[in-house]
Amino acid sequence: LERLDEIIKVVSERLGVPESVAREAIKVLLEFARKRSAGTKLEKLLMEMPGVSSLLGETTSLPGGRHSEVGALVAGSVADIAKAFFDLRAAGLRSSQIRPFVETFFEKAREIAGPETIEEILRQLPALKTFLKG
């Protein structure tokens, strides 16, 4: 988990939010990516990133818990993105912090997992790029 803790710390410092908020926001982002890549080579790649499976194994402290994601599973990507945006807000981020959060996460993830891995994830999950657009 230590490599993921490094990302949590950087996100927390850059955005000026508590590490608990950064941790929950990262969990939301990773759950979004995992759900969109279930059963694929991409899911395996994601779960091999240091600390990811441990973090996703933790219970969430978001209102509504994980069960609220069931609705997003049957909806289209627009609903998934809206749900992830809502969950990031519920994790403690302000709307204006979401794009810098995602940018910081991917910047640090590139250092840890390697640029090829992250580019592959973004290529396979173009919905993630929605969070990077201004």
C-alpha atoms as a PDB file:
ATOM      1  CA  LEU A   1       0.000   0.000   0.000  1.00  0.00           C
ATOM      2  CA  GLU A   2       3.016   2.271   0.462  1.00  0.00           C
ATOM      3  CA  ARG A   3       3.175   3.371  -3.203  1.00  0.00           C
ATOM      4  CA  LEU A   4      -0.511   4.281  -3.155  1.00  0.00           C
ATOM      5  CA  ASP A   5       0.055   6.060   0.166  1.00  0.00           C
ATOM      6  CA  GLU A   6       2.611   8.184  -1.675  1.00  0.00           C
ATOM      7  CA  ILE A   7      -0.073   9.238  -4.192  1.00  0.00           C
ATOM      8  CA  ILE A   8      -2.543   9.910  -1.358  1.00  0.00           C
ATOM      9  CA  LYS A   9       0.005  12.155   0.375  1.00  0.00           C
ATOM     10  CA  VAL A  10       0.814  14.150  -2.789  1.00  0.00           C
ATOM     11  CA  VAL A  11      -2.878  14.587  -3.674  1.00  0.00           C
ATOM     12  CA  SER A  12      -3.601  15.690  -0.105  1.00  0.00           C
ATOM     13  CA  GLU A  13      -0.773  18.248  -0.104  1.00  0.00           C
ATOM     14  CA  ARG A  14      -1.495  19.644  -3.575  1.00  0.00           C
ATOM     15  CA  LEU A  15      -5.215  20.068  -3.049  1.00  0.00           C
ATOM     16  CA  GLY A  16      -4.975  21.078   0.592  1.00  0.00           C
ATOM     17  CA  VAL A  17      -7.356  18.333   1.706  1.00  0.00           C
ATOM     18  CA  PRO A  18      -6.976  15.793   4.534  1.00  0.00           C
ATOM     19  CA  GLU A  19      -5.383  12.469   3.551  1.00  0.00           C
ATOM     20  CA  SER A  20      -8.675  10.740   4.414  1.00  0.00           C
ATOM     21  CA  VAL A  21     -10.406  12.807   1.698  1.00  0.00           C
ATOM     22  CA  ALA A  22      -7.624  12.058  -0.823  1.00  0.00           C
ATOM     23  CA  ARG A  23      -7.853   8.340   0.040  1.00  0.00           C
ATOM     24  CA  GLU A  24     -11.653   8.214  -0.450  1.00  0.00           C
ATOM     25  CA  ALA A  25     -11.403  10.178  -3.717  1.00  0.00           C
ATOM     26  CA  ILE A  26      -8.736   7.797  -5.051  1.00  0.00           C
ATOM     27  CA  LYS A  27     -10.920   4.857  -4.039  1.00  0.00           C
ATOM     28  CA  VAL A  28     -13.843   6.380  -6.011  1.00  0.00           C
ATOM     29  CA  LEU A  29     -11.637   6.878  -9.087  1.00  0.00           C
ATOM     30  CA  LEU A  30     -10.217   3.341  -8.912  1.00  0.00           C
ATOM     31  CA  GLU A  31     -13.679   1.797  -8.368  1.00  0.00           C
ATOM     32  CA  PHE A  32     -14.912   3.707 -11.424  1.00  0.00           C
ATOM     33  CA  ALA A  33     -12.007   2.345 -13.491  1.00  0.00           C
ATOM     34  CA  ARG A  34     -12.363  -1.194 -12.136  1.00  0.00           C
ATOM     35  CA  LYS A  35     -16.097  -1.292 -12.769  1.00  0.00           C
ATOM     36  CA  ARG A  36     -15.641  -0.089 -16.353  1.00  0.00           C
ATOM     37  CA  SER A  37     -12.936  -2.713 -16.992  1.00  0.00           C
ATOM     38  CA  ALA A  38     -14.443  -5.736 -15.186  1.00  0.00           C
ATOM     39  CA  GLY A  39     -13.292  -9.044 -16.620  1.00  0.00           C
ATOM     40  CA  THR A  40     -10.730  -7.530 -18.985  1.00  0.00           C
ATOM     41  CA  LYS A  41      -6.953  -7.487 -19.204  1.00  0.00           C
ATOM     42  CA  LEU A  42      -7.251  -3.879 -18.074  1.00  0.00           C
ATOM     43  CA  GLU A  43      -8.869  -4.878 -14.768  1.00  0.00           C
ATOM     44  CA  LYS A  44      -5.934  -7.234 -14.139  1.00  0.00           C
ATOM     45  CA  LEU A  45      -3.486  -4.418 -14.959  1.00  0.00           C
ATOM     46  CA  LEU A  46      -5.300  -2.048 -12.612  1.00  0.00           C
ATOM     47  CA  MET A  47      -5.380  -4.550  -9.757  1.00  0.00           C
ATOM     48  CA  GLU A  48      -1.632  -5.205 -10.138  1.00  0.00           C
ATOM     49  CA  MET A  49      -0.791  -1.574  -9.369  1.00  0.00           C
ATOM     50  CA  PRO A  50       0.818  -1.492  -5.905  1.00  0.00           C
ATOM     51  CA  GLY A  51      -1.780  -0.968  -3.183  1.00  0.00           C
ATOM     52  CA  VAL A  52      -4.857  -0.891  -5.426  1.00  0.00           C
ATOM     53  CA  SER A  53      -6.417  -4.202  -4.398  1.00  0.00           C
ATOM     54  CA  SER A  54      -5.835  -3.393  -0.697  1.00  0.00           C
ATOM     55  CA  LEU A  55      -7.447   0.021  -1.033  1.00  0.00           C
ATOM     56  CA  LEU A  56     -10.423  -1.322  -2.961  1.00  0.00           C
ATOM     57  CA  GLY A  57     -10.859  -4.046  -0.364  1.00  0.00           C
ATOM     58  CA  GLU A  58     -11.496  -1.427   2.332  1.00  0.00           C
ATOM     59  CA  THR A  59     -15.041  -0.507   3.155  1.00  0.00           C
ATOM     60  CA  THR A  60     -16.088   2.907   1.987  1.00  0.00           C
ATOM     61  CA  SER A  61     -17.192   5.702   4.268  1.00  0.00           C
ATOM     62  CA  LEU A  62     -19.240   7.402   1.552  1.00  0.00           C
ATOM     63  CA  PRO A  63     -22.940   7.971   2.186  1.00  0.00           C
ATOM     64  CA  GLY A  64     -24.964   5.156   0.668  1.00  0.00           C
ATOM     65  CA  GLY A  65     -21.981   2.802   0.592  1.00  0.00           C
ATOM     66  CA  ARG A  66     -21.041   0.575  -2.304  1.00  0.00           C
ATOM     67  CA  HIS A  67     -24.614  -0.556  -2.995  1.00  0.00           C
ATOM     68  CA  SER A  68     -25.384   2.775  -4.637  1.00  0.00           C
ATOM     69  CA  GLU A  69     -23.043   1.748  -7.465  1.00  0.00           C
ATOM     70  CA  VAL A  70     -25.431  -0.949  -8.664  1.00  0.00           C
ATOM     71  CA  GLY A  71     -27.545   1.678 -10.431  1.00  0.00           C
ATOM     72  CA  ALA A  72     -24.475   2.988 -12.238  1.00  0.00           C
ATOM     73  CA  LEU A  73     -23.634  -0.517 -13.463  1.00  0.00           C
ATOM     74  CA  VAL A  74     -26.808  -0.710 -15.522  1.00  0.00           C
ATOM     75  CA  ALA A  75     -26.669   2.899 -16.720  1.00  0.00           C
ATOM     76  CA  GLY A  76     -24.585   4.329 -19.549  1.00  0.00           C
ATOM     77  CA  SER A  77     -21.228   6.017 -19.255  1.00  0.00           C
ATOM     78  CA  VAL A  78     -22.768   9.474 -18.759  1.00  0.00           C
ATOM     79  CA  ALA A  79     -24.545   8.206 -15.666  1.00  0.00           C
ATOM     80  CA  ASP A  80     -21.338   6.466 -14.523  1.00  0.00           C
ATOM     81  CA  ILE A  81     -19.400   9.712 -14.875  1.00  0.00           C
ATOM     82  CA  ALA A  82     -22.091  11.697 -13.067  1.00  0.00           C
ATOM     83  CA  LYS A  83     -22.100   9.098 -10.272  1.00  0.00           C
ATOM     84  CA  ALA A  84     -18.303   9.184  -9.973  1.00  0.00           C
ATOM     85  CA  PHE A  85     -18.386  13.003  -9.917  1.00  0.00           C
ATOM     86  CA  PHE A  86     -21.029  12.871  -7.163  1.00  0.00           C
ATOM     87  CA  ASP A  87     -18.993  10.284  -5.217  1.00  0.00           C
ATOM     88  CA  LEU A  88     -15.860  12.456  -5.505  1.00  0.00           C
ATOM     89  CA  ARG A  89     -17.872  15.335  -4.055  1.00  0.00           C
ATOM     90  CA  ALA A  90     -19.192  13.016  -1.324  1.00  0.00           C
ATOM     91  CA  ALA A  91     -15.589  12.001  -0.565  1.00  0.00           C
ATOM     92  CA  GLY A  92     -14.917  15.641   0.315  1.00  0.00           C
ATOM     93  CA  LEU A  93     -13.650  17.277  -2.877  1.00  0.00           C
ATOM     94  CA  ARG A  94     -15.116  20.526  -4.162  1.00  0.00           C
ATOM     95  CA  SER A  95     -16.120  20.548  -7.841  1.00  0.00           C
ATOM     96  CA  SER A  96     -13.174  22.817  -8.622  1.00  0.00           C
ATOM     97  CA  GLN A  97     -10.777  20.262  -7.100  1.00  0.00           C
ATOM     98  CA  ILE A  98     -11.871  17.259  -9.153  1.00  0.00           C
ATOM     99  CA  ARG A  99      -9.859  17.993 -12.300  1.00  0.00           C
ATOM    100  CA  PRO A 100      -6.636  18.850 -10.365  1.00  0.00           C
ATOM    101  CA  PHE A 101      -7.219  15.721  -8.259  1.00  0.00           C
ATOM    102  CA  VAL A 102      -7.457  13.454 -11.318  1.00  0.00           C
ATOM    103  CA  GLU A 103      -4.461  15.162 -12.986  1.00  0.00           C
ATOM    104  CA  THR A 104      -2.353  14.759  -9.828  1.00  0.00           C
ATOM    105  CA  PHE A 105      -3.422  11.137  -9.410  1.00  0.00           C
ATOM    106  CA  PHE A 106      -2.426  10.204 -12.965  1.00  0.00           C
ATOM    107  CA  GLU A 107       0.807  12.181 -12.779  1.00  0.00           C
ATOM    108  CA  LYS A 108       1.919  10.250  -9.669  1.00  0.00           C
ATOM    109  CA  ALA A 109       0.518   6.941 -10.982  1.00  0.00           C
ATOM    110  CA  ARG A 110       2.697   7.343 -14.106  1.00  0.00           C
ATOM    111  CA  GLU A 111       5.772   7.573 -11.865  1.00  0.00           C
ATOM    112  CA  ILE A 112       4.773   4.457  -9.933  1.00  0.00           C
ATOM    113  CA  ALA A 113       3.098   2.186 -12.491  1.00  0.00           C
ATOM    114  CA  GLY A 114       4.956   3.510 -15.524  1.00  0.00           C
ATOM    115  CA  PRO A 115       3.680   5.728 -18.324  1.00  0.00           C
ATOM    116  CA  GLU A 116       2.829   2.759 -20.585  1.00  0.00           C
ATOM    117  CA  THR A 117       0.468   1.274 -17.985  1.00  0.00           C
ATOM    118  CA  ILE A 118      -1.322   4.564 -17.368  1.00  0.00           C
ATOM    119  CA  GLU A 119      -1.601   5.406 -21.069  1.00  0.00           C
ATOM    120  CA  GLU A 120      -3.090   1.944 -21.656  1.00  0.00           C
ATOM    121  CA  ILE A 121      -5.647   2.530 -18.884  1.00  0.00           C
ATOM    122  CA  LEU A 122      -6.614   5.928 -20.328  1.00  0.00           C
ATOM    123  CA  ARG A 123      -6.806   4.480 -23.842  1.00  0.00           C
ATOM    124  CA  GLN A 124      -9.026   1.600 -22.723  1.00  0.00           C
ATOM    125  CA  LEU A 125     -11.190   3.823 -20.501  1.00  0.00           C
ATOM    126  CA  PRO A 126     -11.732   7.071 -22.401  1.00  0.00           C
ATOM    127  CA  ALA A 127     -14.415   8.000 -19.837  1.00  0.00           C
ATOM    128  CA  LEU A 128     -11.595   8.762 -17.392  1.00  0.00           C
ATOM    129  CA  LYS A 129     -10.439  11.550 -19.701  1.00  0.00           C
ATOM    130  CA  THR A 130     -13.764  13.292 -19.038  1.00  0.00           C
ATOM    131  CA  PHE A 131     -12.404  14.222 -15.600  1.00  0.00           C
ATOM    132  CA  LEU A 132      -9.333  15.775 -17.221  1.00  0.00           C
ATOM    133  CA  LYS A 133     -11.240  18.166 -19.475  1.00  0.00           C
ATOM    134  CA  GLY A 134     -11.718  21.731 -18.367  1.00  0.00           C
END
